[in-house]
C-alpha cells in the first residue's frame, strides 16, 4: 500500500485536516499505528488513539515530505482521549 511505504521513510508527521492543523503546525508529531483499506473506506489509526475514516473515492498523493489524502467524500475524525471513555468526533468534507 502506498501509505505504508511512505510511512517507512517518514516515521512521524504532522496532521493537517480540511479545517486546519491538528495541534501546532510542524510541532505536533504523529505516528501511523494501523491501516485498513476497505471497499468504500480508508481507515488510519494514529498514535493508537486517533482515527481518520475517509469515504471513497479518494485521491492519494505522496512526495518526499508530504502524504496527502484529497478529493474524498467525507472524513470522520475520532480522538480517544487517554483515560476517558468518550470520544470527540468531527465530520469534515473537502
N, C-alpha and C. Protein backbone atom coordinates (compact mmCIF):
# COMPACT_ATOMS: atom_id res chain seq x y z
N UNK A 1 0.84 -1.18 0.00
CA UNK A 1 0.00 0.00 0.00
C UNK A 1 0.89 1.24 0.00
N UNK A 2 0.52 2.25 -0.72
CA UNK A 2 1.30 3.47 -0.86
C UNK A 2 1.53 4.17 0.48
N UNK A 3 0.55 4.15 1.36
CA UNK A 3 0.68 4.81 2.66
C UNK A 3 1.78 4.15 3.47
N UNK A 4 1.77 2.83 3.54
CA UNK A 4 2.73 2.12 4.36
C UNK A 4 4.16 2.33 3.88
N UNK A 5 4.39 2.37 2.58
CA UNK A 5 5.75 2.60 2.08
C UNK A 5 6.21 4.03 2.37
N UNK A 6 5.30 5.02 2.32
CA UNK A 6 5.66 6.39 2.65
C UNK A 6 6.02 6.51 4.13
N UNK A 7 5.27 5.82 4.99
CA UNK A 7 5.49 5.87 6.43
C UNK A 7 6.86 5.29 6.80
N UNK A 8 7.32 4.29 6.06
CA UNK A 8 8.63 3.70 6.36
C UNK A 8 9.75 4.73 6.30
N UNK A 9 9.63 5.71 5.42
CA UNK A 9 10.66 6.74 5.32
C UNK A 9 10.28 8.02 6.06
N UNK A 10 9.09 8.10 6.62
CA UNK A 10 8.61 9.26 7.38
C UNK A 10 7.93 8.75 8.64
N UNK A 11 8.72 8.39 9.64
CA UNK A 11 8.19 7.73 10.83
C UNK A 11 7.15 8.58 11.57
N UNK A 12 7.37 9.89 11.65
CA UNK A 12 6.42 10.77 12.30
C UNK A 12 6.09 11.94 11.37
N UNK A 13 4.92 12.52 11.58
CA UNK A 13 4.46 13.56 10.66
C UNK A 13 3.41 14.43 11.36
N UNK A 14 3.16 15.61 10.81
CA UNK A 14 2.10 16.48 11.27
C UNK A 14 0.79 16.11 10.61
N UNK A 15 -0.31 16.57 11.17
CA UNK A 15 -1.64 16.24 10.66
C UNK A 15 -2.39 17.52 10.35
N UNK A 16 -2.70 17.71 9.07
CA UNK A 16 -3.49 18.87 8.64
C UNK A 16 -4.82 18.37 8.11
N UNK A 17 -5.90 18.78 8.76
CA UNK A 17 -7.26 18.41 8.38
C UNK A 17 -7.83 19.47 7.45
N UNK A 18 -8.96 19.21 6.79
CA UNK A 18 -9.54 20.21 5.89
C UNK A 18 -9.82 21.56 6.56
N UNK A 19 -10.05 21.56 7.87
CA UNK A 19 -10.31 22.83 8.56
C UNK A 19 -9.08 23.39 9.27
N UNK A 20 -7.91 22.83 9.00
CA UNK A 20 -6.67 23.35 9.56
C UNK A 20 -5.84 22.29 10.27
N UNK A 21 -4.73 22.73 10.84
CA UNK A 21 -3.81 21.83 11.52
C UNK A 21 -4.43 21.27 12.79
N UNK A 22 -4.13 20.01 13.09
CA UNK A 22 -4.48 19.41 14.36
C UNK A 22 -3.27 19.60 15.27
N UNK A 23 -3.42 20.48 16.25
CA UNK A 23 -2.29 20.82 17.10
C UNK A 23 -1.49 21.95 16.46
N UNK A 24 -0.32 22.18 16.97
CA UNK A 24 0.54 23.25 16.45
C UNK A 24 1.22 22.78 15.17
N UNK A 25 1.15 23.57 14.10
CA UNK A 25 1.79 23.18 12.85
C UNK A 25 3.28 22.89 13.04
N UNK A 26 3.70 21.77 12.50
CA UNK A 26 5.11 21.34 12.50
C UNK A 26 5.65 21.02 13.88
N UNK A 27 4.87 21.18 14.95
CA UNK A 27 5.30 20.82 16.30
C UNK A 27 4.76 19.45 16.70
N UNK A 28 3.44 19.28 16.59
CA UNK A 28 2.83 18.02 16.96
C UNK A 28 3.19 16.96 15.93
N UNK A 29 3.74 15.86 16.39
CA UNK A 29 4.14 14.78 15.51
C UNK A 29 3.32 13.54 15.84
N UNK A 30 2.89 12.84 14.80
CA UNK A 30 2.05 11.66 14.95
C UNK A 30 2.69 10.47 14.24
N UNK A 31 2.26 9.29 14.64
CA UNK A 31 2.77 8.06 14.06
C UNK A 31 1.60 7.19 13.61
N UNK A 32 1.70 6.63 12.41
CA UNK A 32 0.68 5.72 11.92
C UNK A 32 0.82 4.39 12.65
N UNK A 33 -0.25 3.93 13.30
CA UNK A 33 -0.19 2.69 14.06
C UNK A 33 -1.04 1.56 13.47
N UNK A 34 -1.92 1.88 12.50
CA UNK A 34 -2.76 0.84 11.89
C UNK A 34 -3.43 1.41 10.66
N UNK A 35 -3.63 0.56 9.64
CA UNK A 35 -4.29 0.96 8.39
C UNK A 35 -5.26 -0.14 7.97
N UNK A 36 -6.45 0.26 7.51
CA UNK A 36 -7.39 -0.68 6.90
C UNK A 36 -7.91 -0.05 5.61
N UNK A 37 -7.75 -0.75 4.52
CA UNK A 37 -8.23 -0.28 3.22
C UNK A 37 -9.41 -1.16 2.82
N UNK A 38 -10.61 -0.62 2.98
CA UNK A 38 -11.85 -1.35 2.68
C UNK A 38 -12.38 -0.92 1.32
N UNK A 39 -13.45 -1.57 0.87
CA UNK A 39 -14.02 -1.25 -0.44
C UNK A 39 -14.44 0.21 -0.55
N UNK A 40 -15.07 0.75 0.48
CA UNK A 40 -15.56 2.13 0.40
C UNK A 40 -14.97 3.06 1.45
N UNK A 41 -14.01 2.58 2.24
CA UNK A 41 -13.41 3.39 3.31
C UNK A 41 -11.90 3.16 3.37
N UNK A 42 -11.19 4.18 3.80
CA UNK A 42 -9.79 4.06 4.19
C UNK A 42 -9.73 4.53 5.64
N UNK A 43 -9.24 3.66 6.53
CA UNK A 43 -9.19 3.97 7.95
C UNK A 43 -7.73 4.02 8.39
N UNK A 44 -7.35 5.14 9.00
CA UNK A 44 -6.00 5.32 9.51
C UNK A 44 -6.08 5.53 11.02
N UNK A 45 -5.24 4.80 11.75
CA UNK A 45 -5.13 5.00 13.19
C UNK A 45 -3.79 5.67 13.45
N UNK A 46 -3.81 6.77 14.20
CA UNK A 46 -2.59 7.49 14.57
C UNK A 46 -2.41 7.43 16.07
N UNK A 47 -1.21 7.15 16.50
CA UNK A 47 -0.84 7.19 17.92
C UNK A 47 -1.71 6.30 18.80
N UNK A 48 -2.29 5.26 18.25
CA UNK A 48 -3.16 4.33 18.99
C UNK A 48 -4.38 5.01 19.61
N UNK A 49 -4.73 6.23 19.14
CA UNK A 49 -5.87 6.91 19.76
C UNK A 49 -6.64 7.84 18.83
N UNK A 50 -6.15 8.09 17.63
CA UNK A 50 -6.87 8.95 16.68
C UNK A 50 -7.23 8.11 15.46
N UNK A 51 -8.45 8.29 14.98
CA UNK A 51 -8.92 7.53 13.83
C UNK A 51 -9.44 8.47 12.76
N UNK A 52 -8.94 8.31 11.56
CA UNK A 52 -9.40 9.07 10.40
C UNK A 52 -10.05 8.07 9.46
N UNK A 53 -11.33 8.25 9.21
CA UNK A 53 -12.05 7.36 8.30
C UNK A 53 -12.47 8.17 7.08
N UNK A 54 -11.89 7.85 5.94
CA UNK A 54 -12.17 8.55 4.68
C UNK A 54 -13.17 7.74 3.88
N UNK A 55 -14.21 8.41 3.36
CA UNK A 55 -15.16 7.78 2.46
C UNK A 55 -14.64 7.92 1.04
N UNK A 56 -14.54 6.80 0.35
CA UNK A 56 -14.03 6.79 -1.02
C UNK A 56 -15.11 7.26 -1.99
N UNK A 57 -14.75 7.71 -3.18
CA UNK A 57 -13.42 7.70 -3.75
C UNK A 57 -12.53 8.77 -3.14
N UNK A 58 -11.22 8.48 -3.09
CA UNK A 58 -10.23 9.42 -2.59
C UNK A 58 -9.06 9.45 -3.54
N UNK A 59 -8.23 10.47 -3.40
CA UNK A 59 -7.01 10.57 -4.20
C UNK A 59 -5.84 10.62 -3.23
N UNK A 60 -4.84 9.77 -3.45
CA UNK A 60 -3.65 9.73 -2.62
C UNK A 60 -2.48 10.33 -3.39
N UNK A 61 -1.74 11.24 -2.74
CA UNK A 61 -0.57 11.87 -3.35
C UNK A 61 0.57 11.81 -2.35
N UNK A 62 1.74 11.40 -2.80
CA UNK A 62 2.90 11.34 -1.90
C UNK A 62 4.09 12.06 -2.53
N UNK A 63 4.79 12.80 -1.67
CA UNK A 63 6.06 13.40 -2.08
C UNK A 63 7.06 13.07 -0.97
N UNK A 64 8.24 13.63 -1.05
CA UNK A 64 9.24 13.32 -0.03
C UNK A 64 8.80 13.70 1.37
N UNK A 65 8.12 14.83 1.51
CA UNK A 65 7.79 15.32 2.85
C UNK A 65 6.30 15.36 3.15
N UNK A 66 5.44 15.05 2.19
CA UNK A 66 4.00 15.14 2.42
C UNK A 66 3.29 13.90 1.88
N UNK A 67 2.28 13.48 2.62
CA UNK A 67 1.35 12.47 2.14
C UNK A 67 -0.02 13.11 2.23
N UNK A 68 -0.68 13.23 1.09
CA UNK A 68 -1.94 13.97 1.03
C UNK A 68 -3.06 13.02 0.62
N UNK A 69 -4.13 13.03 1.41
CA UNK A 69 -5.37 12.34 1.04
C UNK A 69 -6.33 13.45 0.66
N UNK A 70 -6.81 13.41 -0.59
CA UNK A 70 -7.59 14.53 -1.12
C UNK A 70 -8.80 14.00 -1.89
N UNK A 71 -9.69 14.90 -2.22
CA UNK A 71 -10.87 14.61 -3.04
C UNK A 71 -11.71 13.47 -2.48
N UNK A 72 -11.83 13.41 -1.16
CA UNK A 72 -12.67 12.39 -0.55
C UNK A 72 -14.07 12.94 -0.35
N UNK A 73 -15.03 12.03 -0.21
CA UNK A 73 -16.41 12.42 0.00
C UNK A 73 -16.64 12.94 1.41
N UNK A 74 -15.98 12.32 2.39
CA UNK A 74 -16.18 12.67 3.79
C UNK A 74 -15.02 12.12 4.60
N UNK A 75 -14.71 12.79 5.71
CA UNK A 75 -13.75 12.25 6.68
C UNK A 75 -14.40 12.34 8.06
N UNK A 76 -14.26 11.27 8.80
CA UNK A 76 -14.69 11.24 10.20
C UNK A 76 -13.41 11.18 11.03
N UNK A 77 -13.25 12.13 11.93
CA UNK A 77 -12.08 12.21 12.79
C UNK A 77 -12.51 11.91 14.21
N UNK A 78 -11.96 10.85 14.80
CA UNK A 78 -12.30 10.46 16.16
C UNK A 78 -11.03 10.48 16.99
N UNK A 79 -11.07 11.17 18.12
CA UNK A 79 -9.95 11.23 19.04
C UNK A 79 -10.39 10.62 20.36
N UNK A 80 -9.72 9.56 20.76
CA UNK A 80 -9.99 8.94 22.05
C UNK A 80 -8.98 9.51 23.04
N UNK A 81 -9.46 10.32 23.94
CA UNK A 81 -8.59 10.95 24.94
C UNK A 81 -8.19 9.89 25.96
N UNK A 82 -6.91 9.89 26.32
CA UNK A 82 -6.41 8.91 27.28
C UNK A 82 -7.19 8.97 28.58
N UNK A 83 -7.49 7.80 29.13
CA UNK A 83 -8.18 7.64 30.41
C UNK A 83 -9.63 8.13 30.36
N UNK A 84 -10.18 8.33 29.19
CA UNK A 84 -11.58 8.72 29.06
C UNK A 84 -12.27 7.76 28.09
N UNK A 85 -13.49 7.44 28.36
CA UNK A 85 -14.24 6.52 27.52
C UNK A 85 -14.83 7.24 26.32
N UNK A 86 -15.21 8.51 26.49
CA UNK A 86 -15.86 9.23 25.40
C UNK A 86 -14.86 9.59 24.31
N UNK A 87 -15.38 9.88 23.14
CA UNK A 87 -14.54 10.27 22.00
C UNK A 87 -15.05 11.55 21.41
N UNK A 88 -14.14 12.32 20.84
CA UNK A 88 -14.51 13.53 20.11
C UNK A 88 -14.60 13.13 18.64
N UNK A 89 -15.68 13.48 17.99
CA UNK A 89 -15.86 13.11 16.60
C UNK A 89 -16.21 14.33 15.79
N UNK A 90 -15.56 14.47 14.62
CA UNK A 90 -15.85 15.59 13.72
C UNK A 90 -16.02 15.03 12.32
N UNK A 91 -17.06 15.44 11.65
CA UNK A 91 -17.25 15.10 10.24
C UNK A 91 -16.80 16.27 9.39
N UNK A 92 -15.91 16.03 8.45
CA UNK A 92 -15.36 17.09 7.62
C UNK A 92 -15.47 16.70 6.15
N UNK A 93 -15.57 17.68 5.29
CA UNK A 93 -15.62 17.41 3.85
C UNK A 93 -14.61 18.29 3.15
N UNK A 94 -14.14 17.83 1.97
CA UNK A 94 -13.22 18.64 1.18
C UNK A 94 -14.00 19.67 0.42
